[in-house]
Amino acid sequence: MIVVTGATGNIGRPLTQALVEAGQQVTAVSRHTAAVPNGGRHVVADLARPASLKSALTGAKALFLLLSGDLHATGASPADIIGEAAASGVRRVVLLSTLGVVTRPFGTTRIAMRALEDMLRESGLEWAILRPGGFASNALWWAESVRARRVVAAPFGDVGVPIIDPADIAAVAAACLLEDRHTGGVYELTGPEVITPRQQTEAIAAALGSPVRFHELTRDEAKSAMTQNMPAELADDTLDILGSPSPAELRVSPDVQRVLGRAPRPFADWAARNVAAFR
C-alpha cells in the first residue's frame, strides 16, 4: 500500500489516480472527506498532528509526503511524520520539497524544509526528494478575473520562469514511489521553457478561443492581493522570485526527461486541460 498526503490537491489527485491505474493499493490522506479513484481508500488526518496518521500508515510500504502549510503550523513537527512512517514499517518516503532550498536557502521556510530533507536522508529509510519550482496551476489565481472580465492581473508581465505542470510532478512522484532506481535521487523539476505572465495569458486565451487582456500590477498592488491569502513575508519572498529570478531559477532542468523519458508538458497543455476553470 502507498500513502499519498495532500491527496485532494493539484499533485495528490493525479498521483493517486496514477498509482491506482498502476495496480497499487492507495490510501489518500487529506484534512477533509473527499472522493478518491476506485481502488483507493480515504483517511482524514491532520499532518500538524503526526499521530493522526497512524491508521493511514499501518501496512503501508511507501509514503508521498506533501506538507504545504502544515510545515509552518504552530506546534507542527514534520520530522515526527517521518518517525511515524518508520515506526509503522514504511520503507520508502518521497518528499515534496522546493527548488528554493537551493536557490534561496536562507528563508525561514526553506531552512525548515532543508532540515527535513536532511532528517529524511538520515532516517535509514529509502528516499527520494522532489524540488519543483513554480507551478502552472498558480494561474488558477487568475480564474475568477478571467471568467468575469477576461483579464489577467499580475506583476512583472515580461519576467518569466520555467513553471511546471503539477501532473508532471505527480508522474515523477509515482516513478519514485514505484521504482527502486530512484532511491536516493534528488530531482529539480521545471517545465520545458521560461514563460512570462503575459505569455501565459496568451495561452489561456488560445485555450478559451477568446481574447484575454493582460493588466500589469505594481509590486505593491500584487502584495496587497497576495497577503489576503498568505503571510506578508511569504508574499515578499514570492514577489522577489517572480520579479528577479536568479540564474538557477531560470534554468530548465533535465530531470523530468531523465525520470519519465519524455519532456515536461508546456503551459499551453496545462491551460487546455484546465480551460473549464476560466470559462
Protein backbone atom coordinates (compact mmCIF):
# COMPACT_ATOMS: atom_id res chain seq x y z
CA MET A 1 0.00 0.00 0.00
CA ILE A 2 1.12 3.54 -0.75
CA VAL A 3 0.01 6.57 1.28
CA VAL A 4 -0.45 9.89 -0.50
CA THR A 5 -0.73 13.03 1.61
CA GLY A 6 -2.22 16.18 0.11
CA ALA A 7 -4.36 13.80 -1.91
CA THR A 8 -7.01 16.33 -2.91
CA GLY A 9 -4.55 18.87 -4.35
CA ASN A 10 -3.11 19.56 -7.78
CA ILE A 11 -0.36 16.97 -7.28
CA GLY A 12 -2.09 14.50 -4.99
CA ARG A 13 -5.10 13.91 -7.22
CA PRO A 14 -3.20 12.88 -10.36
CA LEU A 15 -0.67 10.95 -8.26
CA THR A 16 -3.41 8.94 -6.58
CA GLN A 17 -5.00 8.24 -9.96
CA ALA A 18 -1.68 7.16 -11.48
CA LEU A 19 -0.92 4.77 -8.62
CA VAL A 20 -4.39 3.21 -8.73
CA GLU A 21 -4.04 2.76 -12.51
CA ALA A 22 -0.68 1.07 -11.87
CA GLY A 23 -2.48 -1.51 -9.76
CA GLN A 24 -1.38 -0.19 -6.38
CA GLN A 25 -3.45 -0.07 -3.22
CA VAL A 26 -3.56 3.61 -2.26
CA THR A 27 -4.58 5.43 0.91
CA ALA A 28 -5.37 9.06 0.12
CA VAL A 29 -4.93 11.41 3.08
CA SER A 30 -6.43 14.88 3.45
CA ARG A 31 -7.92 17.07 6.15
CA HIS A 32 -11.46 16.68 4.85
CA THR A 33 -13.52 13.85 3.40
CA ALA A 34 -13.02 13.53 -0.34
CA ALA A 35 -13.74 11.17 -3.21
CA VAL A 36 -10.83 9.03 -4.43
CA PRO A 37 -10.46 6.84 -7.53
CA ASN A 38 -11.95 3.36 -7.42
CA GLY A 39 -9.47 1.09 -5.73
CA GLY A 40 -8.30 3.73 -3.29
CA ARG A 41 -9.39 4.47 0.25
CA HIS A 42 -9.55 7.83 2.01
CA VAL A 43 -8.38 8.72 5.51
CA VAL A 44 -8.95 12.08 7.19
CA ALA A 45 -5.84 13.23 9.06
CA ASP A 46 -4.09 16.47 10.03
CA LEU A 47 -0.37 16.49 9.27
CA ALA A 48 0.14 19.03 12.02
CA ARG A 49 -0.70 16.10 14.34
CA PRO A 50 1.53 13.24 13.10
CA ALA A 51 -0.13 10.73 15.41
CA SER A 52 -3.35 11.14 13.39
CA LEU A 53 -1.58 9.38 10.52
CA LYS A 54 -1.20 6.07 12.35
CA SER A 55 -4.26 4.42 10.84
CA ALA A 56 -3.27 5.54 7.35
CA LEU A 57 0.32 4.30 7.66
CA THR A 58 -0.48 0.87 9.07
CA GLY A 59 0.56 -1.71 6.48
CA ALA A 60 1.99 0.89 4.08
CA LYS A 61 5.22 0.32 2.16
CA ALA A 62 5.68 3.87 0.85
CA LEU A 63 4.65 7.45 1.63
CA PHE A 64 4.39 10.56 -0.52
CA LEU A 65 4.88 13.47 1.85
CA LEU A 66 3.47 16.84 0.81
CA LEU A 67 3.42 19.22 3.74
CA SER A 68 2.20 22.51 2.30
CA GLY A 69 1.15 24.84 5.13
CA ASP A 70 1.45 22.03 7.69
CA LEU A 71 5.18 22.60 7.81
CA HIS A 72 4.58 26.06 9.24
CA ALA A 73 1.62 25.38 11.51
CA THR A 74 2.02 26.32 15.16
CA GLY A 75 3.42 23.35 17.02
CA ALA A 76 3.89 21.30 13.87
CA SER A 77 6.69 18.75 13.89
CA PRO A 78 7.03 17.35 10.37
CA ALA A 79 10.04 15.27 11.38
CA ASP A 80 7.64 13.28 13.56
CA ILE A 81 5.76 12.24 10.41
CA ILE A 82 8.87 10.51 9.15
CA GLY A 83 9.25 8.91 12.58
CA GLU A 84 5.64 7.67 12.47
CA ALA A 85 6.23 6.28 8.99
CA ALA A 86 9.35 4.38 10.08
CA ALA A 87 7.61 3.04 13.19
CA SER A 88 4.71 1.80 11.04
CA GLY A 89 7.01 -0.18 8.75
CA VAL A 90 7.06 2.22 5.80
CA ARG A 91 10.19 1.56 3.75
CA ARG A 92 10.23 4.47 1.30
CA VAL A 93 9.38 8.17 1.55
CA VAL A 94 9.18 10.57 -1.39
CA LEU A 95 9.30 14.14 -0.10
CA LEU A 96 7.95 17.14 -1.99
CA SER A 97 10.45 19.88 -1.20
CA THR A 98 11.09 23.09 -3.16
CA LEU A 99 13.70 24.43 -5.53
CA GLY A 100 14.09 27.31 -3.10
CA VAL A 101 16.19 25.21 -0.72
CA VAL A 102 18.92 25.56 -3.36
CA THR A 103 18.19 28.92 -4.99
CA ARG A 104 17.24 30.93 -1.89
CA PRO A 105 18.31 28.78 1.06
CA PHE A 106 18.12 31.32 3.88
CA GLY A 107 14.39 31.97 4.13
CA THR A 108 12.72 30.63 7.27
CA THR A 109 10.52 28.10 5.48
CA ARG A 110 13.36 26.85 3.29
CA ILE A 111 15.68 26.39 6.24
CA ALA A 112 12.97 24.22 7.80
CA MET A 113 12.48 22.26 4.59
CA ARG A 114 16.19 21.67 4.14
CA ALA A 115 16.37 20.39 7.73
CA LEU A 116 13.55 17.97 6.91
CA GLU A 117 15.40 16.80 3.81
CA ASP A 118 18.48 16.13 5.94
CA MET A 119 16.43 14.28 8.53
CA LEU A 120 14.93 12.06 5.82
CA ARG A 121 18.39 11.26 4.45
CA GLU A 122 19.50 10.17 7.92
CA SER A 123 16.33 8.21 8.74
CA GLY A 124 17.51 4.85 7.41
CA LEU A 125 14.53 4.74 5.02
CA GLU A 126 14.69 4.63 1.25
CA TRP A 127 14.01 8.14 -0.01
CA ALA A 128 13.74 10.48 -2.96
CA ILE A 129 13.38 14.27 -2.88
CA LEU A 130 11.48 16.37 -5.44
CA ARG A 131 12.29 20.07 -5.76
CA PRO A 132 9.83 21.80 -8.10
CA GLY A 133 9.92 25.47 -8.97
CA GLY A 134 6.77 27.46 -9.78
CA PHE A 135 3.56 25.59 -10.61
CA ALA A 136 1.46 26.08 -13.76
CA SER A 137 -1.61 25.72 -11.53
CA ASN A 138 -0.79 29.04 -9.84
CA ALA A 139 -2.54 30.51 -12.88
CA LEU A 140 -5.80 29.46 -11.21
CA TRP A 141 -5.35 32.62 -9.11
CA TRP A 142 -6.49 34.42 -12.26
CA ALA A 143 -9.50 32.24 -12.99
CA GLU A 144 -12.13 34.49 -11.40
CA SER A 145 -10.97 37.64 -13.19
CA VAL A 146 -10.74 35.78 -16.50
CA ARG A 147 -14.27 34.41 -16.09
CA ALA A 148 -15.72 37.77 -15.04
CA ARG A 149 -13.75 40.30 -17.10
CA ARG A 150 -11.46 38.36 -19.47
CA VAL A 151 -8.42 39.90 -17.78
CA VAL A 152 -5.29 38.59 -16.07
CA ALA A 153 -3.84 40.97 -13.49
CA ALA A 154 -0.29 40.15 -12.38
CA PRO A 155 3.05 41.83 -11.72
CA PHE A 156 6.22 41.54 -13.80
CA GLY A 157 4.41 40.76 -17.04
CA ASP A 158 7.55 40.17 -19.08
CA VAL A 159 9.62 38.30 -16.49
CA GLY A 160 9.31 34.53 -16.71
CA VAL A 161 10.36 31.30 -15.01
CA PRO A 162 10.08 27.67 -16.22
CA ILE A 163 6.89 26.73 -14.37
CA ILE A 164 5.93 23.05 -14.21
CA ASP A 165 2.66 21.23 -14.73
CA PRO A 166 1.65 19.60 -11.41
CA ALA A 167 0.70 16.48 -13.34
CA ASP A 168 4.36 16.10 -14.29
CA ILE A 169 5.34 16.38 -10.62
CA ALA A 170 2.80 13.64 -9.89
CA ALA A 171 4.22 11.44 -12.65
CA VAL A 172 7.75 11.83 -11.28
CA ALA A 173 6.49 11.12 -7.76
CA ALA A 174 4.78 7.93 -8.97
CA ALA A 175 8.02 6.75 -10.58
CA CYS A 176 9.98 7.45 -7.40
CA LEU A 177 7.44 5.58 -5.29
CA LEU A 178 7.37 2.54 -7.58
CA GLU A 179 10.89 2.19 -8.99
CA ASP A 180 13.96 1.27 -6.95
CA ARG A 181 16.30 3.10 -9.34
CA HIS A 182 15.19 6.46 -7.96
CA THR A 183 16.17 5.72 -4.36
CA GLY A 184 18.49 8.47 -3.18
CA GLY A 185 17.53 10.73 -6.09
CA VAL A 186 17.13 14.49 -5.75
CA TYR A 187 15.21 15.88 -8.70
CA GLU A 188 14.80 19.54 -9.65
CA LEU A 189 11.55 19.81 -11.57
CA THR A 190 10.74 22.55 -14.06
CA GLY A 191 8.71 22.99 -17.20
CA PRO A 192 10.26 22.92 -20.69
CA GLU A 193 10.73 26.66 -21.12
CA VAL A 194 10.74 30.03 -19.41
CA ILE A 195 7.28 31.60 -19.77
CA THR A 196 6.11 35.05 -18.68
CA PRO A 197 2.70 36.00 -17.24
CA ARG A 198 1.91 37.80 -20.49
CA GLN A 199 2.66 34.61 -22.45
CA GLN A 200 0.59 32.57 -20.00
CA THR A 201 -2.30 34.95 -20.65
CA GLU A 202 -1.94 34.33 -24.39
CA ALA A 203 -2.02 30.56 -23.80
CA ILE A 204 -5.18 30.85 -21.68
CA ALA A 205 -6.80 32.97 -24.39
CA ALA A 206 -5.89 30.39 -27.03
CA ALA A 207 -7.41 27.61 -24.91
CA LEU A 208 -10.59 29.66 -24.46
CA GLY A 209 -10.76 30.73 -28.08
CA SER A 210 -11.41 34.33 -26.99
CA PRO A 211 -9.22 37.35 -26.16
CA VAL A 212 -7.90 37.83 -22.62
CA ARG A 213 -6.30 41.14 -21.67
CA PHE A 214 -3.17 41.36 -19.53
CA HIS A 215 -3.06 44.08 -16.87
CA GLU A 216 0.28 44.61 -15.14
CA LEU A 217 0.11 45.20 -11.39
CA THR A 218 2.70 47.11 -9.41
CA ARG A 219 4.58 45.15 -6.80
CA ASP A 220 2.62 46.88 -4.03
CA GLU A 221 -0.70 46.08 -5.70
CA ALA A 222 0.31 42.46 -6.09
CA LYS A 223 1.46 42.20 -2.48
CA SER A 224 -1.79 43.68 -1.23
CA ALA A 225 -3.75 40.99 -3.09
CA MET A 226 -1.43 38.15 -2.07
CA THR A 227 -1.45 38.97 1.64
CA GLN A 228 -5.16 38.17 1.74
CA ASN A 229 -4.13 34.51 1.45
CA MET A 230 -0.56 34.28 2.76
CA PRO A 231 1.78 35.92 5.29
CA ALA A 232 3.41 39.17 4.13
CA GLU A 233 6.88 37.58 4.42
CA LEU A 234 5.92 34.80 2.03
CA ALA A 235 4.31 37.30 -0.37
CA ASP A 236 7.51 39.35 -0.46
CA ASP A 237 9.56 36.21 -0.96
CA THR A 238 7.39 35.08 -3.87
CA LEU A 239 7.50 38.53 -5.48
CA ASP A 240 11.28 38.59 -5.18
CA ILE A 241 11.45 35.39 -7.22
CA LEU A 242 8.85 36.47 -9.78
CA GLY A 243 10.38 39.89 -10.26
CA SER A 244 14.06 38.99 -10.25
CA PRO A 245 14.65 35.27 -10.73
CA SER A 246 18.21 34.08 -10.26
CA PRO A 247 20.07 32.15 -12.97
CA ALA A 248 19.30 28.94 -11.05
CA GLU A 249 15.59 29.81 -11.05
CA LEU A 250 15.69 30.40 -14.82
CA ARG A 251 17.40 27.09 -15.54
CA VAL A 252 15.35 24.47 -17.37
CA SER A 253 16.10 21.20 -15.60
CA PRO A 254 16.52 17.90 -17.48
CA ASP A 255 15.18 15.87 -14.55
CA VAL A 256 11.60 15.30 -15.78
CA GLN A 257 13.05 13.92 -19.01
CA ARG A 258 15.52 11.78 -17.03
CA VAL A 259 12.81 10.21 -14.90
CA LEU A 260 9.91 9.93 -17.35
CA GLY A 261 11.72 9.55 -20.67
CA ARG A 262 9.78 12.49 -22.12
CA ALA A 263 9.91 16.25 -21.96
CA PRO A 264 7.79 18.12 -19.40
CA ARG A 265 4.48 19.45 -20.68
CA PRO A 266 4.32 23.11 -21.76
CA PHE A 267 1.99 25.58 -20.06
CA ALA A 268 -0.31 25.55 -23.09
CA ASP A 269 -1.10 21.88 -22.41
CA TRP A 270 -1.99 22.67 -18.80
CA ALA A 271 -4.20 25.57 -19.92
CA ALA A 272 -6.03 23.38 -22.45
CA ARG A 273 -6.72 20.65 -19.86
CA ASN A 274 -7.91 23.16 -17.28
CA VAL A 275 -9.76 25.59 -19.54
CA ALA A 276 -13.08 24.94 -17.77
CA ALA A 277 -11.80 26.88 -14.75
CA PHE A 278 -11.51 30.01 -16.92
CA ARG A 279 -14.82 29.81 -18.81
